[in-house]
N, C-alpha and C. Protein backbone atom coordinates (compact mmCIF):
# COMPACT_ATOMS: atom_id res chain seq x y z
N UNK A 1 116.50 90.45 103.65
CA UNK A 1 116.11 91.11 102.43
C UNK A 1 114.90 92.02 102.59
N UNK A 2 114.94 93.08 101.94
CA UNK A 2 113.83 94.04 101.82
C UNK A 2 113.37 94.40 100.40
N UNK A 3 112.14 94.22 100.17
CA UNK A 3 111.64 94.46 98.87
C UNK A 3 110.39 95.54 98.91
N UNK A 4 110.45 96.51 98.10
CA UNK A 4 109.41 97.53 98.23
C UNK A 4 108.68 97.61 96.80
N UNK A 5 107.36 97.65 96.89
CA UNK A 5 106.50 97.78 95.84
C UNK A 5 105.51 98.92 96.05
N UNK A 6 104.97 99.47 94.84
CA UNK A 6 104.02 100.53 94.96
C UNK A 6 102.66 100.09 94.18
N UNK A 7 101.66 100.73 94.62
CA UNK A 7 100.39 100.37 94.04
C UNK A 7 99.53 101.64 94.16
N UNK A 8 98.86 102.06 92.93
CA UNK A 8 97.90 103.11 93.02
C UNK A 8 96.59 102.36 92.69
N UNK A 9 95.77 102.48 93.74
CA UNK A 9 94.31 101.82 93.58
C UNK A 9 93.54 102.64 92.79
N UNK A 10 92.47 102.06 92.16
CA UNK A 10 91.56 102.99 91.32
C UNK A 10 90.64 103.64 92.34
N UNK A 11 89.83 104.55 91.97
CA UNK A 11 88.96 105.32 92.78
C UNK A 11 87.89 104.33 93.40
N UNK A 12 87.75 104.28 94.71
CA UNK A 12 86.73 103.36 95.39
C UNK A 12 85.74 104.37 95.83
N UNK A 13 84.40 103.99 95.87
CA UNK A 13 83.42 104.75 96.58
C UNK A 13 83.59 104.73 98.09
N UNK A 14 83.00 105.64 98.77
CA UNK A 14 83.04 105.70 100.28
C UNK A 14 82.63 104.30 100.77
N UNK A 15 83.40 103.85 101.77
CA UNK A 15 83.22 102.56 102.44
C UNK A 15 84.37 101.73 102.72
N UNK A 16 84.14 100.49 103.02
CA UNK A 16 85.29 99.53 103.32
C UNK A 16 85.29 98.63 102.22
N UNK A 17 86.62 98.42 101.69
CA UNK A 17 86.74 97.56 100.44
C UNK A 17 87.90 96.65 100.73
N UNK A 18 87.69 95.40 100.34
CA UNK A 18 88.76 94.38 100.56
C UNK A 18 89.75 94.52 99.38
N UNK A 19 91.08 94.63 99.71
CA UNK A 19 92.10 94.90 98.61
C UNK A 19 93.18 93.95 98.75
N UNK A 20 93.00 92.83 99.35
CA UNK A 20 94.02 91.90 99.61
C UNK A 20 94.58 91.45 98.37
N UNK A 21 93.79 91.04 97.41
CA UNK A 21 94.27 90.48 96.03
C UNK A 21 94.99 91.45 95.31
N UNK A 22 94.61 92.74 95.37
CA UNK A 22 95.36 93.74 94.62
C UNK A 22 96.74 93.98 95.29
N UNK A 23 96.78 93.94 96.62
CA UNK A 23 98.05 94.10 97.28
C UNK A 23 99.04 92.93 96.88
N UNK A 24 98.49 91.68 96.93
CA UNK A 24 99.32 90.49 96.69
C UNK A 24 99.82 90.59 95.22
N UNK A 25 98.96 90.86 94.33
CA UNK A 25 99.31 91.14 92.92
C UNK A 25 100.54 92.08 92.74
N UNK A 26 100.42 93.22 93.44
CA UNK A 26 101.48 94.17 93.32
C UNK A 26 102.83 93.78 94.00
N UNK A 27 102.72 93.02 95.01
CA UNK A 27 103.90 92.64 95.68
C UNK A 27 104.59 91.38 95.00
N UNK A 28 103.84 90.63 94.38
CA UNK A 28 104.51 89.31 93.74
C UNK A 28 104.75 88.31 94.77
N UNK A 29 105.76 87.45 94.31
CA UNK A 29 106.15 86.37 95.30
C UNK A 29 106.58 86.82 96.57
N UNK A 30 105.99 86.10 97.66
CA UNK A 30 106.43 86.40 98.98
C UNK A 30 107.47 85.43 99.46
N UNK A 31 108.28 85.85 100.37
CA UNK A 31 109.38 84.95 100.87
C UNK A 31 108.67 83.86 101.89
N UNK A 32 109.46 82.98 102.17
CA UNK A 32 108.90 81.78 103.07
C UNK A 32 108.47 82.41 104.36
N UNK A 33 109.21 83.34 104.90
CA UNK A 33 108.84 83.96 106.19
C UNK A 33 109.25 85.31 106.18
N UNK A 34 108.54 86.16 106.97
CA UNK A 34 108.85 87.60 107.04
C UNK A 34 107.57 88.41 107.43
N UNK A 35 107.60 89.65 107.02
CA UNK A 35 106.50 90.57 107.25
C UNK A 35 106.17 91.40 106.00
N UNK A 36 104.82 91.62 105.89
CA UNK A 36 104.42 92.57 104.88
C UNK A 36 103.87 93.76 105.53
N UNK A 37 104.42 94.98 105.27
CA UNK A 37 103.96 96.27 105.77
C UNK A 37 103.26 96.97 104.60
N UNK A 38 102.12 97.44 104.86
CA UNK A 38 101.30 98.20 103.79
C UNK A 38 101.04 99.59 104.45
N UNK A 39 101.38 100.63 103.65
CA UNK A 39 101.18 102.07 104.19
C UNK A 39 100.41 102.82 103.03
N UNK A 40 99.52 103.59 103.53
CA UNK A 40 98.72 104.44 102.62
C UNK A 40 99.22 105.82 102.66
N UNK A 41 99.47 106.47 101.53
CA UNK A 41 99.95 107.86 101.44
C UNK A 41 98.86 108.91 101.45
N UNK A 42 97.92 108.82 102.27
CA UNK A 42 96.83 109.80 102.33
C UNK A 42 96.36 109.89 103.79
N UNK A 43 95.81 111.01 104.07
CA UNK A 43 95.15 111.39 105.45
C UNK A 43 93.68 111.33 105.53
N UNK A 44 92.97 110.89 104.47
CA UNK A 44 91.55 110.83 104.62
C UNK A 44 90.99 109.41 104.15
N UNK A 45 91.89 108.54 104.24
CA UNK A 45 91.58 107.00 103.98
C UNK A 45 92.53 106.24 104.85
N UNK A 46 92.08 105.00 105.25
CA UNK A 46 93.00 104.25 106.10
C UNK A 46 93.12 102.82 105.60
N UNK A 47 93.85 102.02 106.36
CA UNK A 47 94.06 100.56 106.09
C UNK A 47 93.79 99.74 107.44
N UNK A 48 93.07 98.59 107.23
CA UNK A 48 92.82 97.84 108.45
C UNK A 48 92.74 96.27 107.92
N UNK A 49 92.79 95.42 108.97
CA UNK A 49 92.55 94.06 108.70
C UNK A 49 91.37 93.69 109.39
N UNK A 50 90.34 93.01 108.70
CA UNK A 50 88.99 92.65 109.35
C UNK A 50 88.31 91.74 108.45
N UNK A 51 87.07 91.36 108.81
CA UNK A 51 86.18 90.37 108.17
C UNK A 51 86.17 90.50 106.64
N UNK A 52 86.54 89.34 106.01
CA UNK A 52 86.61 89.44 104.54
C UNK A 52 85.43 88.60 103.86
N UNK A 53 84.49 88.11 104.53
CA UNK A 53 83.54 87.28 103.91
C UNK A 53 82.08 87.88 103.95
N UNK A 54 81.65 88.42 105.06
CA UNK A 54 80.29 88.87 105.07
C UNK A 54 80.27 90.46 104.76
N UNK A 55 79.69 90.66 103.70
CA UNK A 55 79.68 92.18 103.27
C UNK A 55 78.89 93.04 104.23
N UNK A 56 77.98 92.46 105.03
CA UNK A 56 77.25 93.30 106.00
C UNK A 56 78.17 93.91 107.05
N UNK A 57 79.26 93.34 107.35
CA UNK A 57 80.21 93.86 108.23
C UNK A 57 80.77 95.27 107.65
N UNK A 58 81.08 95.16 106.41
CA UNK A 58 81.64 96.46 105.81
C UNK A 58 80.54 97.54 105.86
N UNK A 59 79.29 97.18 105.54
CA UNK A 59 78.17 98.13 105.64
C UNK A 59 78.08 98.62 107.07
N UNK A 60 78.10 97.86 108.02
CA UNK A 60 77.97 98.21 109.41
C UNK A 60 79.15 99.13 109.76
N UNK A 61 80.37 98.75 109.46
CA UNK A 61 81.49 99.60 109.81
C UNK A 61 81.30 100.97 109.21
N UNK A 62 80.89 101.05 108.02
CA UNK A 62 80.78 102.38 107.36
C UNK A 62 79.70 103.26 108.15
N UNK A 63 78.60 102.61 108.47
CA UNK A 63 77.55 103.39 109.17
C UNK A 63 77.96 103.69 110.61
N UNK A 64 78.76 102.82 111.33
CA UNK A 64 79.36 103.07 112.66
C UNK A 64 80.25 104.12 112.66
N UNK A 65 81.22 104.30 111.59
CA UNK A 65 82.20 105.31 111.54
C UNK A 65 81.46 106.62 111.25
N UNK A 66 80.38 106.58 110.44
CA UNK A 66 79.68 107.83 110.22
C UNK A 66 79.05 108.38 111.61
N UNK A 67 78.75 107.47 112.46
CA UNK A 67 78.13 107.83 113.75
C UNK A 67 79.27 108.43 114.64
N UNK A 68 80.45 107.92 114.63
CA UNK A 68 81.50 108.39 115.40
C UNK A 68 82.03 109.72 114.89
N UNK A 69 82.11 109.96 113.63
CA UNK A 69 82.72 111.30 113.15
C UNK A 69 81.58 111.86 112.15
N UNK A 70 80.48 112.30 112.46
CA UNK A 70 79.37 112.85 111.55
C UNK A 70 79.83 114.09 110.90
N UNK A 71 79.24 114.29 109.82
CA UNK A 71 79.60 115.55 108.96
C UNK A 71 78.80 116.76 109.67
N UNK A 72 79.28 117.93 109.09
CA UNK A 72 78.61 119.15 109.40
C UNK A 72 78.41 119.54 110.91
N UNK A 73 79.59 119.24 111.68
CA UNK A 73 79.47 119.58 113.07
C UNK A 73 79.96 121.08 113.16
N UNK A 74 79.28 121.82 113.98
CA UNK A 74 79.55 123.31 114.06
C UNK A 74 80.90 123.62 114.50
N UNK A 75 81.62 122.86 115.17
CA UNK A 75 82.99 123.02 115.76
C UNK A 75 83.97 122.70 114.72
N UNK A 76 83.69 122.01 113.62
CA UNK A 76 84.78 121.84 112.56
C UNK A 76 85.17 123.15 111.92
N UNK A 77 86.54 123.22 111.89
CA UNK A 77 87.06 124.44 111.18
C UNK A 77 87.81 124.00 109.90
N UNK A 78 88.21 122.82 109.69
CA UNK A 78 88.80 122.33 108.50
C UNK A 78 87.74 121.71 107.68
N UNK A 79 87.19 122.62 106.80
CA UNK A 79 85.98 122.10 105.91
C UNK A 79 86.18 122.53 104.42
N UNK A 80 87.40 123.07 104.21
CA UNK A 80 87.69 123.54 102.76
C UNK A 80 87.36 122.65 101.65
N UNK A 81 87.44 121.34 101.94
CA UNK A 81 87.18 120.32 100.75
C UNK A 81 85.70 119.72 100.92
N UNK A 82 84.89 120.25 101.76
CA UNK A 82 83.57 119.78 101.77
C UNK A 82 83.19 119.34 103.18
N UNK A 83 81.89 118.88 103.30
CA UNK A 83 81.53 118.47 104.67
C UNK A 83 82.04 117.11 105.13
N UNK A 84 82.69 116.17 104.28
CA UNK A 84 83.17 115.00 104.70
C UNK A 84 84.69 115.09 104.80
N UNK A 85 85.27 116.35 104.68
CA UNK A 85 86.73 116.54 104.89
C UNK A 85 87.29 116.20 106.24
N UNK A 86 86.77 116.93 107.31
CA UNK A 86 87.29 116.70 108.58
C UNK A 86 86.83 115.36 109.08
N UNK A 87 85.64 114.90 108.83
CA UNK A 87 85.22 113.56 109.43
C UNK A 87 86.17 112.50 108.74
N UNK A 88 86.57 112.65 107.48
CA UNK A 88 87.57 111.68 106.86
C UNK A 88 88.88 111.65 107.64
N UNK A 89 89.32 112.86 108.09
CA UNK A 89 90.67 112.79 108.73
C UNK A 89 90.49 112.21 110.09
N UNK A 90 89.41 112.44 110.82
CA UNK A 90 89.08 111.72 112.03
C UNK A 90 89.05 110.34 111.90
N UNK A 91 88.37 109.83 110.95
CA UNK A 91 88.17 108.41 110.75
C UNK A 91 89.51 107.75 110.35
N UNK A 92 90.32 108.43 109.60
CA UNK A 92 91.64 107.83 109.20
C UNK A 92 92.55 107.67 110.37
N UNK A 93 92.43 108.67 111.31
CA UNK A 93 93.27 108.63 112.49
C UNK A 93 92.88 107.41 113.29
N UNK A 94 91.57 107.22 113.42
CA UNK A 94 91.06 106.16 114.27
C UNK A 94 91.44 104.70 113.70
N UNK A 95 91.36 104.60 112.34
CA UNK A 95 91.80 103.36 111.72
C UNK A 95 93.33 103.19 111.69
N UNK A 96 93.93 104.23 111.23
CA UNK A 96 95.52 104.13 111.03
C UNK A 96 95.76 104.05 109.57
N UNK A 97 97.11 104.24 109.35
CA UNK A 97 97.59 104.39 107.97
C UNK A 97 98.36 103.22 107.44
N UNK A 98 98.51 102.11 108.31
CA UNK A 98 99.18 101.00 107.89
C UNK A 98 98.78 99.67 108.60
N UNK A 99 99.11 98.62 107.94
CA UNK A 99 98.93 97.25 108.53
C UNK A 99 100.28 96.51 108.40
N UNK A 100 100.54 95.65 109.30
CA UNK A 100 101.70 94.64 109.13
C UNK A 100 101.13 93.27 109.39
N UNK A 101 101.45 92.44 108.44
CA UNK A 101 100.93 91.07 108.36
C UNK A 101 102.14 90.09 108.31
N UNK A 102 102.11 89.05 109.17
CA UNK A 102 103.18 88.04 109.03
C UNK A 102 103.06 87.26 107.81
N UNK A 103 104.25 86.78 107.37
CA UNK A 103 104.32 85.91 106.13
C UNK A 103 104.85 84.60 106.66
N UNK A 104 104.03 83.45 106.38
CA UNK A 104 104.42 82.15 106.84
C UNK A 104 104.23 81.21 105.65
N UNK A 105 105.18 80.45 105.33
CA UNK A 105 105.15 79.55 104.20
C UNK A 105 104.78 80.11 102.84
N UNK A 106 105.29 81.41 102.65
CA UNK A 106 105.30 82.07 101.42
C UNK A 106 103.76 82.78 101.28
N UNK A 107 102.97 82.70 102.17
CA UNK A 107 101.62 83.32 102.23
C UNK A 107 101.33 84.25 103.46
N UNK A 108 100.49 85.17 103.17
CA UNK A 108 100.01 86.04 104.32
C UNK A 108 99.43 85.20 105.39
N UNK A 109 99.89 85.34 106.61
CA UNK A 109 99.37 84.56 107.66
C UNK A 109 98.20 85.28 108.31
N UNK A 110 97.02 85.41 107.51
CA UNK A 110 95.75 86.02 107.92
C UNK A 110 94.84 84.84 108.39
N UNK A 111 94.02 85.26 109.41
CA UNK A 111 93.08 84.32 109.91
C UNK A 111 92.06 84.03 108.82
N UNK A 112 91.20 82.96 109.08
CA UNK A 112 90.28 82.49 108.01
C UNK A 112 89.39 83.52 107.44
N UNK A 113 88.89 84.42 108.25
CA UNK A 113 88.01 85.48 107.79
C UNK A 113 88.58 86.84 107.79
N UNK A 114 89.85 86.95 107.52
CA UNK A 114 90.53 88.21 107.60
C UNK A 114 91.02 88.68 106.15
N UNK A 115 90.87 89.90 105.88
CA UNK A 115 91.36 90.49 104.65
C UNK A 115 91.84 91.87 104.98
N UNK A 116 92.65 92.46 103.88
CA UNK A 116 93.11 93.85 104.01
C UNK A 116 92.00 94.79 103.55
N UNK A 117 91.60 95.73 104.26
CA UNK A 117 90.62 96.78 103.83
C UNK A 117 91.18 97.99 103.49
N UNK A 118 90.83 98.70 102.43
CA UNK A 118 91.00 100.07 102.18
C UNK A 118 89.72 100.70 102.82
N UNK A 119 89.87 101.59 103.70
CA UNK A 119 88.79 102.31 104.34
C UNK A 119 88.67 103.67 103.75
N UNK A 120 87.77 103.83 102.84
CA UNK A 120 87.74 104.99 102.11
C UNK A 120 86.66 105.97 102.72
N UNK A 121 87.00 107.05 103.22
CA UNK A 121 86.19 107.97 103.97
C UNK A 121 85.69 109.12 103.15
N UNK A 122 86.10 109.32 101.96
CA UNK A 122 85.67 110.58 101.10
C UNK A 122 84.62 110.08 100.11
N UNK A 123 83.64 110.90 99.87
CA UNK A 123 82.56 110.62 98.88
C UNK A 123 83.05 110.88 97.49
N UNK A 124 84.04 111.81 97.29
CA UNK A 124 84.71 112.08 96.00
C UNK A 124 86.12 111.77 96.17
N UNK A 125 86.47 110.57 96.35
CA UNK A 125 87.86 110.05 96.58
C UNK A 125 88.73 110.23 95.19
N UNK A 126 90.04 110.24 95.53
CA UNK A 126 90.93 110.11 94.38
C UNK A 126 91.58 108.73 94.41
N UNK A 127 92.33 108.45 93.38
CA UNK A 127 93.07 107.18 93.48
C UNK A 127 94.00 107.16 94.74
N UNK A 128 94.11 106.06 95.47
CA UNK A 128 94.93 105.91 96.64
C UNK A 128 96.27 105.23 96.28
N UNK A 129 97.31 105.80 96.88
CA UNK A 129 98.59 105.32 96.66
C UNK A 129 99.16 104.43 97.92
N UNK A 130 99.61 103.31 97.66
CA UNK A 130 100.15 102.42 98.75
C UNK A 130 101.58 102.14 98.60
N UNK A 131 102.24 101.97 99.53
CA UNK A 131 103.79 101.48 99.59
C UNK A 131 103.70 100.21 100.40
N UNK A 132 104.15 99.19 99.81
CA UNK A 132 104.22 97.77 100.36
C UNK A 132 105.67 97.43 100.58
N UNK A 133 106.05 97.00 101.80
CA UNK A 133 107.39 96.66 102.08
C UNK A 133 107.48 95.26 102.63
N UNK A 134 108.18 94.40 101.91
CA UNK A 134 108.32 92.97 102.35
C UNK A 134 109.71 92.90 103.13
N UNK A 135 109.62 92.40 104.26
CA UNK A 135 110.91 92.07 105.10
C UNK A 135 110.99 90.68 105.30
N UNK A 136 112.17 90.09 104.97
CA UNK A 136 112.44 88.60 105.15
C UNK A 136 113.74 88.44 105.83
């Protein structure tokens, strides 16, 4: 069985945000076993699974990604939407546009300290659209 759900997230500020609860609410009841695939329909934000308890991890991730792809590099050509435009695309390429999580006993089989992240790389972001597909 395949079930697909859609979610438009509200605008989040630049940074790493745990969206596990929002995804689960949009998906509804999970099967006993299967996979949840979550895909983001944007090229300047990404999705990841990482630390869900200590907020300093999210802060450090944001700072580290800013070091990996800083703004205002003289070689950037794609800057029409501002100085964070090209860095956001680079960062989303590094993170990726989807996550796949196993479902076991009707629940996401995440580790104790894991959650689904929206990785928002734009300072003036827009609402982000997700497609969630449950395979069982």
